[in-house]
Amino acid sequence: MKTTHNDLDTRLIDALADTRSSTRLRAALMAGTRPDERLVEPLIGRCGTEPDFFVRDMLTWALTRHPATITVPKLLEELRSESAQARSQALHTLSKIGDQSAWPEIAGPLLWDADDEVARSAWRAAVALVPLGHEAKLAALLSTQLGRGDEDTQLSLSRALIALGETVPSLLGASMNSASPAVRAHAIATERLLHDPDTEFAFALEYANRIANTGPAPVGDS
């Protein structure tokens, strides 16, 4: 019996939910190699549940191979999902597509989403899509999140702020006078990373915490 295009789509969609990650990876690769707008919704849906990082990355790649006029509106809908992974992966995919029409949806509550991974994805997407002339506004919004989360979360925010350029040093200076030791420490560590990109962030943050909580370390202290 001759295989129709619809039969192929059905098999491909089924393969995206296969128990074997290797099969799901191949299915996502095929979906990107042979773009078909009927696959966009299944690909986006799988992004919200896929447990394997490499498969998720391939799903994003497959979506970037489809027209932005189709993918972007559906991804924007996904930003309102109750699933943190769905929101995070939609943000990641939007940043890879690079369509600035998504900017208004990203530069808002998602920047301080309760889920750290979603917020980190929003910071990266916002920096990738910020329109020319809006960098200072975005930096001000991001600076409200200084002191948030664990070391990885703080590093993500520091990198996002540094990527926004010349408006950042004054914001960091103001944050160093915050009543919160965590905010002061994060601002100090970010400034150090700004001036020395090769510095180890964990060391910079540890040093900054000492300054923020007890004052500068004594000369010669290691």
C-alpha atoms as a PDB file:
ATOM      1  CA  MET A   1       0.000   0.000   0.000  1.00  0.00           C
ATOM      2  CA  LYS A   2       1.255   3.433  -0.916  1.00  0.00           C
ATOM      3  CA  THR A   3       2.209   5.656   2.038  1.00  0.00           C
ATOM      4  CA  THR A   4       0.480   9.032   2.010  1.00  0.00           C
ATOM      5  CA  HIS A   5       1.823  12.280   3.435  1.00  0.00           C
ATOM      6  CA  ASN A   6      -0.834  12.144   6.153  1.00  0.00           C
ATOM      7  CA  ASP A   7       0.312   8.634   7.126  1.00  0.00           C
ATOM      8  CA  LEU A   8       3.862   9.936   7.441  1.00  0.00           C
ATOM      9  CA  ASP A   9       2.702  12.807   9.674  1.00  0.00           C
ATOM     10  CA  THR A  10       0.861  10.385  11.966  1.00  0.00           C
ATOM     11  CA  ARG A  11       3.884   8.114  12.325  1.00  0.00           C
ATOM     12  CA  LEU A  12       6.128  11.095  12.967  1.00  0.00           C
ATOM     13  CA  ILE A  13       3.826  12.487  15.641  1.00  0.00           C
ATOM     14  CA  ASP A  14       3.676   9.079  17.314  1.00  0.00           C
ATOM     15  CA  ALA A  15       7.478   8.838  17.193  1.00  0.00           C
ATOM     16  CA  LEU A  16       7.787  12.162  19.061  1.00  0.00           C
ATOM     17  CA  ALA A  17       6.207  10.419  22.067  1.00  0.00           C
ATOM     18  CA  ASP A  18       8.147   7.144  21.772  1.00  0.00           C
ATOM     19  CA  THR A  19       9.641   5.769  24.991  1.00  0.00           C
ATOM     20  CA  ARG A  20      13.127   5.789  23.405  1.00  0.00           C
ATOM     21  CA  SER A  21      14.862   9.157  23.366  1.00  0.00           C
ATOM     22  CA  SER A  22      16.819   8.164  20.248  1.00  0.00           C
ATOM     23  CA  THR A  23      13.560   7.666  18.351  1.00  0.00           C
ATOM     24  CA  ARG A  24      12.193  10.987  19.575  1.00  0.00           C
ATOM     25  CA  LEU A  25      15.420  12.692  18.528  1.00  0.00           C
ATOM     26  CA  ARG A  26      15.211  11.264  15.010  1.00  0.00           C
ATOM     27  CA  ALA A  27      11.561  12.265  14.761  1.00  0.00           C
ATOM     28  CA  ALA A  28      12.361  15.856  15.733  1.00  0.00           C
ATOM     29  CA  LEU A  29      15.207  15.888  13.203  1.00  0.00           C
ATOM     30  CA  MET A  30      12.866  14.648  10.486  1.00  0.00           C
ATOM     31  CA  ALA A  31      10.266  17.275  11.423  1.00  0.00           C
ATOM     32  CA  GLY A  32      12.860  19.987  10.900  1.00  0.00           C
ATOM     33  CA  THR A  33      14.313  18.462   7.766  1.00  0.00           C
ATOM     34  CA  ARG A  34      10.887  18.303   6.125  1.00  0.00           C
ATOM     35  CA  PRO A  35       8.933  21.242   7.572  1.00  0.00           C
ATOM     36  CA  ASP A  36       5.152  20.906   7.541  1.00  0.00           C
ATOM     37  CA  GLU A  37       2.939  23.412   9.336  1.00  0.00           C
ATOM     38  CA  ARG A  38       0.727  20.561  10.562  1.00  0.00           C
ATOM     39  CA  LEU A  39       3.635  19.450  12.751  1.00  0.00           C
ATOM     40  CA  VAL A  40       4.008  22.784  14.564  1.00  0.00           C
ATOM     41  CA  GLU A  41       1.422  22.121  17.278  1.00  0.00           C
ATOM     42  CA  PRO A  42       2.678  18.577  18.028  1.00  0.00           C
ATOM     43  CA  LEU A  43       6.258  19.887  18.219  1.00  0.00           C
ATOM     44  CA  ILE A  44       5.302  22.682  20.608  1.00  0.00           C
ATOM     45  CA  GLY A  45       3.216  20.319  22.685  1.00  0.00           C
ATOM     46  CA  ARG A  46       6.131  17.903  22.988  1.00  0.00           C
ATOM     47  CA  CYS A  47       8.418  20.727  24.119  1.00  0.00           C
ATOM     48  CA  GLY A  48       6.320  21.076  27.261  1.00  0.00           C
ATOM     49  CA  THR A  49       6.768  17.449  28.320  1.00  0.00           C
ATOM     50  CA  GLU A  50      10.040  16.217  26.755  1.00  0.00           C
ATOM     51  CA  PRO A  51      12.460  15.113  29.539  1.00  0.00           C
ATOM     52  CA  ASP A  52      15.627  14.844  27.430  1.00  0.00           C
ATOM     53  CA  PHE A  53      17.649  18.035  26.924  1.00  0.00           C
ATOM     54  CA  PHE A  54      19.025  17.015  23.517  1.00  0.00           C
ATOM     55  CA  VAL A  55      15.582  16.124  22.209  1.00  0.00           C
ATOM     56  CA  ARG A  56      14.216  19.459  23.454  1.00  0.00           C
ATOM     57  CA  ASP A  57      17.009  21.238  21.631  1.00  0.00           C
ATOM     58  CA  MET A  58      16.166  19.369  18.436  1.00  0.00           C
ATOM     59  CA  LEU A  59      12.479  20.214  18.872  1.00  0.00           C
ATOM     60  CA  THR A  60      13.432  23.878  19.067  1.00  0.00           C
ATOM     61  CA  TRP A  61      15.562  23.533  15.949  1.00  0.00           C
ATOM     62  CA  ALA A  62      12.679  21.874  14.120  1.00  0.00           C
ATOM     63  CA  LEU A  63      10.381  24.750  15.044  1.00  0.00           C
ATOM     64  CA  THR A  64      12.881  27.327  13.777  1.00  0.00           C
ATOM     65  CA  ARG A  65      12.673  25.600  10.390  1.00  0.00           C
ATOM     66  CA  HIS A  66       8.986  26.505  10.103  1.00  0.00           C
ATOM     67  CA  PRO A  67       7.647  29.959   9.153  1.00  0.00           C
ATOM     68  CA  ALA A  68       7.680  32.409  12.064  1.00  0.00           C
ATOM     69  CA  THR A  69       4.201  33.568  11.041  1.00  0.00           C
ATOM     70  CA  ILE A  70       2.957  30.148  12.118  1.00  0.00           C
ATOM     71  CA  THR A  71       5.225  29.301  15.052  1.00  0.00           C
ATOM     72  CA  VAL A  72       5.443  32.625  16.899  1.00  0.00           C
ATOM     73  CA  PRO A  73       1.706  33.083  17.649  1.00  0.00           C
ATOM     74  CA  LYS A  74       1.456  29.528  18.943  1.00  0.00           C
ATOM     75  CA  LEU A  75       4.594  29.907  21.074  1.00  0.00           C
ATOM     76  CA  LEU A  76       3.217  33.127  22.540  1.00  0.00           C
ATOM     77  CA  GLU A  77       0.118  31.212  23.597  1.00  0.00           C
ATOM     78  CA  GLU A  78       2.404  28.703  25.296  1.00  0.00           C
ATOM     79  CA  LEU A  79       3.852  31.471  27.483  1.00  0.00           C
ATOM     80  CA  ARG A  80       0.569  31.409  29.402  1.00  0.00           C
ATOM     81  CA  SER A  81       0.755  27.667  30.062  1.00  0.00           C
ATOM     82  CA  GLU A  82       0.522  26.383  33.645  1.00  0.00           C
ATOM     83  CA  SER A  83       3.529  24.163  32.860  1.00  0.00           C
ATOM     84  CA  ALA A  84       6.845  25.777  33.775  1.00  0.00           C
ATOM     85  CA  GLN A  85       8.694  23.652  31.226  1.00  0.00           C
ATOM     86  CA  ALA A  86       6.284  24.693  28.479  1.00  0.00           C
ATOM     87  CA  ARG A  87       6.824  28.364  29.290  1.00  0.00           C
ATOM     88  CA  SER A  88      10.591  27.973  29.534  1.00  0.00           C
ATOM     89  CA  GLN A  89      10.946  26.053  26.285  1.00  0.00           C
ATOM     90  CA  ALA A  90       8.659  28.457  24.423  1.00  0.00           C
ATOM     91  CA  LEU A  91      10.850  31.343  25.566  1.00  0.00           C
ATOM     92  CA  HIS A  92      13.978  29.503  24.462  1.00  0.00           C
ATOM     93  CA  THR A  93      12.475  28.771  21.054  1.00  0.00           C
ATOM     94  CA  LEU A  94      11.314  32.365  20.580  1.00  0.00           C
ATOM     95  CA  SER A  95      14.839  33.569  21.311  1.00  0.00           C
ATOM     96  CA  LYS A  96      16.178  31.230  18.611  1.00  0.00           C
ATOM     97  CA  ILE A  97      13.583  32.322  16.058  1.00  0.00           C
ATOM     98  CA  GLY A  98      14.563  35.934  16.729  1.00  0.00           C
ATOM     99  CA  ASP A  99      11.241  37.573  15.852  1.00  0.00           C
ATOM    100  CA  GLN A 100      11.046  40.868  17.780  1.00  0.00           C
ATOM    101  CA  SER A 101       7.255  40.854  17.665  1.00  0.00           C
ATOM    102  CA  ALA A 102       7.512  38.568  20.727  1.00  0.00           C
ATOM    103  CA  TRP A 103       9.256  41.275  22.766  1.00  0.00           C
ATOM    104  CA  PRO A 104       6.138  42.838  24.412  1.00  0.00           C
ATOM    105  CA  GLU A 105       5.048  39.428  25.729  1.00  0.00           C
ATOM    106  CA  ILE A 106       8.484  38.637  27.135  1.00  0.00           C
ATOM    107  CA  ALA A 107       9.381  41.990  28.714  1.00  0.00           C
ATOM    108  CA  GLY A 108       6.808  41.733  31.485  1.00  0.00           C
ATOM    109  CA  PRO A 109       5.811  39.340  34.277  1.00  0.00           C
ATOM    110  CA  LEU A 110       7.804  36.471  32.773  1.00  0.00           C
ATOM    111  CA  LEU A 111      10.995  38.299  33.800  1.00  0.00           C
ATOM    112  CA  TRP A 112      10.078  37.637  37.424  1.00  0.00           C
ATOM    113  CA  ASP A 113       8.250  34.334  36.959  1.00  0.00           C
ATOM    114  CA  ALA A 114       8.087  32.318  40.192  1.00  0.00           C
ATOM    115  CA  ASP A 115       9.952  29.442  38.526  1.00  0.00           C
ATOM    116  CA  ASP A 116      13.679  30.189  38.311  1.00  0.00           C
ATOM    117  CA  GLU A 117      14.176  28.278  35.058  1.00  0.00           C
ATOM    118  CA  VAL A 118      11.351  30.169  33.386  1.00  0.00           C
ATOM    119  CA  ALA A 119      12.751  33.483  34.609  1.00  0.00           C
ATOM    120  CA  ARG A 120      16.237  32.582  33.356  1.00  0.00           C
ATOM    121  CA  SER A 121      14.816  31.698  29.932  1.00  0.00           C
ATOM    122  CA  ALA A 122      12.908  34.982  29.907  1.00  0.00           C
ATOM    123  CA  TRP A 123      16.070  36.963  30.733  1.00  0.00           C
ATOM    124  CA  ARG A 124      17.968  35.325  27.877  1.00  0.00           C
ATOM    125  CA  ALA A 125      15.091  35.742  25.431  1.00  0.00           C
ATOM    126  CA  ALA A 126      14.575  39.384  26.399  1.00  0.00           C
ATOM    127  CA  VAL A 127      18.253  40.184  25.809  1.00  0.00           C
ATOM    128  CA  ALA A 128      18.165  38.381  22.457  1.00  0.00           C
ATOM    129  CA  LEU A 129      15.047  40.216  21.260  1.00  0.00           C
ATOM    130  CA  VAL A 130      15.303  43.658  22.886  1.00  0.00           C
ATOM    131  CA  PRO A 131      14.611  46.363  20.275  1.00  0.00           C
ATOM    132  CA  LEU A 132      17.241  49.011  19.701  1.00  0.00           C
ATOM    133  CA  GLY A 133      16.820  51.791  22.241  1.00  0.00           C
ATOM    134  CA  HIS A 134      15.076  49.630  24.862  1.00  0.00           C
ATOM    135  CA  GLU A 135      18.227  48.272  26.482  1.00  0.00           C
ATOM    136  CA  ALA A 136      18.107  50.685  29.440  1.00  0.00           C
ATOM    137  CA  LYS A 137      14.475  49.834  30.148  1.00  0.00           C
ATOM    138  CA  LEU A 138      15.246  46.121  30.098  1.00  0.00           C
ATOM    139  CA  ALA A 139      18.315  46.546  32.311  1.00  0.00           C
ATOM    140  CA  ALA A 140      16.194  48.394  34.878  1.00  0.00           C
ATOM    141  CA  LEU A 141      13.639  45.591  34.871  1.00  0.00           C
ATOM    142  CA  LEU A 142      16.293  42.907  35.216  1.00  0.00           C
ATOM    143  CA  SER A 143      18.052  44.743  38.051  1.00  0.00           C
ATOM    144  CA  THR A 144      14.955  44.203  40.212  1.00  0.00           C
ATOM    145  CA  GLN A 145      15.889  40.506  40.248  1.00  0.00           C
ATOM    146  CA  LEU A 146      19.376  40.955  41.707  1.00  0.00           C
ATOM    147  CA  GLY A 147      19.919  38.676  44.679  1.00  0.00           C
ATOM    148  CA  ARG A 148      17.441  36.105  43.454  1.00  0.00           C
ATOM    149  CA  GLY A 149      17.999  32.354  43.461  1.00  0.00           C
ATOM    150  CA  ASP A 150      21.011  30.076  43.559  1.00  0.00           C
ATOM    151  CA  GLU A 151      24.428  30.621  42.009  1.00  0.00           C
ATOM    152  CA  ASP A 152      23.380  29.435  38.532  1.00  0.00           C
ATOM    153  CA  THR A 153      20.348  31.713  38.540  1.00  0.00           C
ATOM    154  CA  GLN A 154      22.427  34.679  39.652  1.00  0.00           C
ATOM    155  CA  LEU A 155      25.059  33.987  36.997  1.00  0.00           C
ATOM    156  CA  SER A 156      22.347  33.922  34.319  1.00  0.00           C
ATOM    157  CA  LEU A 157      21.082  37.305  35.454  1.00  0.00           C
ATOM    158  CA  SER A 158      24.592  38.752  35.620  1.00  0.00           C
ATOM    159  CA  ARG A 159      25.308  37.647  32.054  1.00  0.00           C
ATOM    160  CA  ALA A 160      22.003  39.084  30.851  1.00  0.00           C
ATOM    161  CA  LEU A 161      22.735  42.432  32.486  1.00  0.00           C
ATOM    162  CA  ILE A 162      26.289  42.586  31.163  1.00  0.00           C
ATOM    163  CA  ALA A 163      25.025  41.910  27.636  1.00  0.00           C
ATOM    164  CA  LEU A 164      22.961  45.114  27.813  1.00  0.00           C
ATOM    165  CA  GLY A 165      26.023  47.321  27.810  1.00  0.00           C
ATOM    166  CA  GLU A 166      26.635  50.858  29.025  1.00  0.00           C
ATOM    167  CA  THR A 167      23.456  51.373  31.078  1.00  0.00           C
ATOM    168  CA  VAL A 168      24.374  48.600  33.497  1.00  0.00           C
ATOM    169  CA  PRO A 169      27.219  50.070  35.641  1.00  0.00           C
ATOM    170  CA  SER A 170      25.035  52.840  37.095  1.00  0.00           C
ATOM    171  CA  LEU A 171      22.305  50.330  37.950  1.00  0.00           C
ATOM    172  CA  LEU A 172      24.835  48.109  39.675  1.00  0.00           C
ATOM    173  CA  GLY A 173      26.170  51.076  41.597  1.00  0.00           C
ATOM    174  CA  ALA A 174      22.705  51.868  42.900  1.00  0.00           C
ATOM    175  CA  SER A 175      22.083  48.223  43.835  1.00  0.00           C
ATOM    176  CA  MET A 176      25.293  48.144  45.874  1.00  0.00           C
ATOM    177  CA  ASN A 177      23.518  50.477  48.305  1.00  0.00           C
ATOM    178  CA  SER A 178      20.506  48.193  48.656  1.00  0.00           C
ATOM    179  CA  ALA A 179      19.247  47.318  52.135  1.00  0.00           C
ATOM    180  CA  SER A 180      19.453  43.647  51.102  1.00  0.00           C
ATOM    181  CA  PRO A 181      22.857  41.969  51.566  1.00  0.00           C
ATOM    182  CA  ALA A 182      21.940  39.465  48.827  1.00  0.00           C
ATOM    183  CA  VAL A 183      21.255  42.257  46.348  1.00  0.00           C
ATOM    184  CA  ARG A 184      24.431  44.093  47.297  1.00  0.00           C
ATOM    185  CA  ALA A 185      26.521  40.954  46.923  1.00  0.00           C
ATOM    186  CA  HIS A 186      25.033  40.060  43.550  1.00  0.00           C
ATOM    187  CA  ALA A 187      25.606  43.585  42.263  1.00  0.00           C
ATOM    188  CA  ILE A 188      29.232  43.527  43.422  1.00  0.00           C
ATOM    189  CA  ALA A 189      29.834  40.118  41.826  1.00  0.00           C
ATOM    190  CA  THR A 190      28.227  41.259  38.573  1.00  0.00           C
ATOM    191  CA  GLU A 191      30.400  44.365  38.454  1.00  0.00           C
ATOM    192  CA  ARG A 192      33.472  42.210  38.958  1.00  0.00           C
ATOM    193  CA  LEU A 193      32.369  39.934  36.120  1.00  0.00           C
ATOM    194  CA  LEU A 194      31.715  42.990  33.953  1.00  0.00           C
ATOM    195  CA  HIS A 195      35.288  44.222  34.361  1.00  0.00           C
ATOM    196  CA  ASP A 196      36.890  40.779  34.287  1.00  0.00           C
ATOM    197  CA  PRO A 197      34.858  38.331  32.136  1.00  0.00           C
ATOM    198  CA  ASP A 198      37.354  35.551  32.888  1.00  0.00           C
ATOM    199  CA  THR A 199      36.779  35.685  36.627  1.00  0.00           C
ATOM    200  CA  GLU A 200      35.239  32.658  38.311  1.00  0.00           C
ATOM    201  CA  PHE A 201      31.715  33.709  39.251  1.00  0.00           C
ATOM    202  CA  ALA A 202      31.551  31.462  42.310  1.00  0.00           C
ATOM    203  CA  PHE A 203      34.689  33.120  43.698  1.00  0.00           C
ATOM    204  CA  ALA A 204      33.406  36.588  42.794  1.00  0.00           C
ATOM    205  CA  LEU A 205      30.110  35.895  44.541  1.00  0.00           C
ATOM    206  CA  GLU A 206      31.799  34.501  47.642  1.00  0.00           C
ATOM    207  CA  TYR A 207      34.024  37.578  47.861  1.00  0.00           C
ATOM    208  CA  ALA A 208      31.049  39.864  47.236  1.00  0.00           C
ATOM    209  CA  ASN A 209      29.084  38.207  50.011  1.00  0.00           C
ATOM    210  CA  ARG A 210      31.911  38.878  52.451  1.00  0.00           C
ATOM    211  CA  ILE A 211      31.928  42.538  51.461  1.00  0.00           C
ATOM    212  CA  ALA A 212      28.150  42.826  51.602  1.00  0.00           C
ATOM    213  CA  ASN A 213      27.856  41.150  54.996  1.00  0.00           C
ATOM    214  CA  THR A 214      31.042  42.018  56.868  1.00  0.00           C
ATOM    215  CA  GLY A 215      32.875  44.644  54.820  1.00  0.00           C
ATOM    216  CA  PRO A 216      35.943  44.225  52.581  1.00  0.00           C
ATOM    217  CA  ALA A 217      38.226  41.278  53.210  1.00  0.00           C
ATOM    218  CA  PRO A 218      41.513  42.114  54.944  1.00  0.00           C
ATOM    219  CA  VAL A 219      44.488  42.612  52.628  1.00  0.00           C
ATOM    220  CA  GLY A 220      46.145  39.271  51.927  1.00  0.00           C
ATOM    221  CA  ASP A 221      43.041  37.291  52.888  1.00  0.00           C
ATOM    222  CA  SER A 222      42.493  34.421  50.423  1.00  0.00           C
END
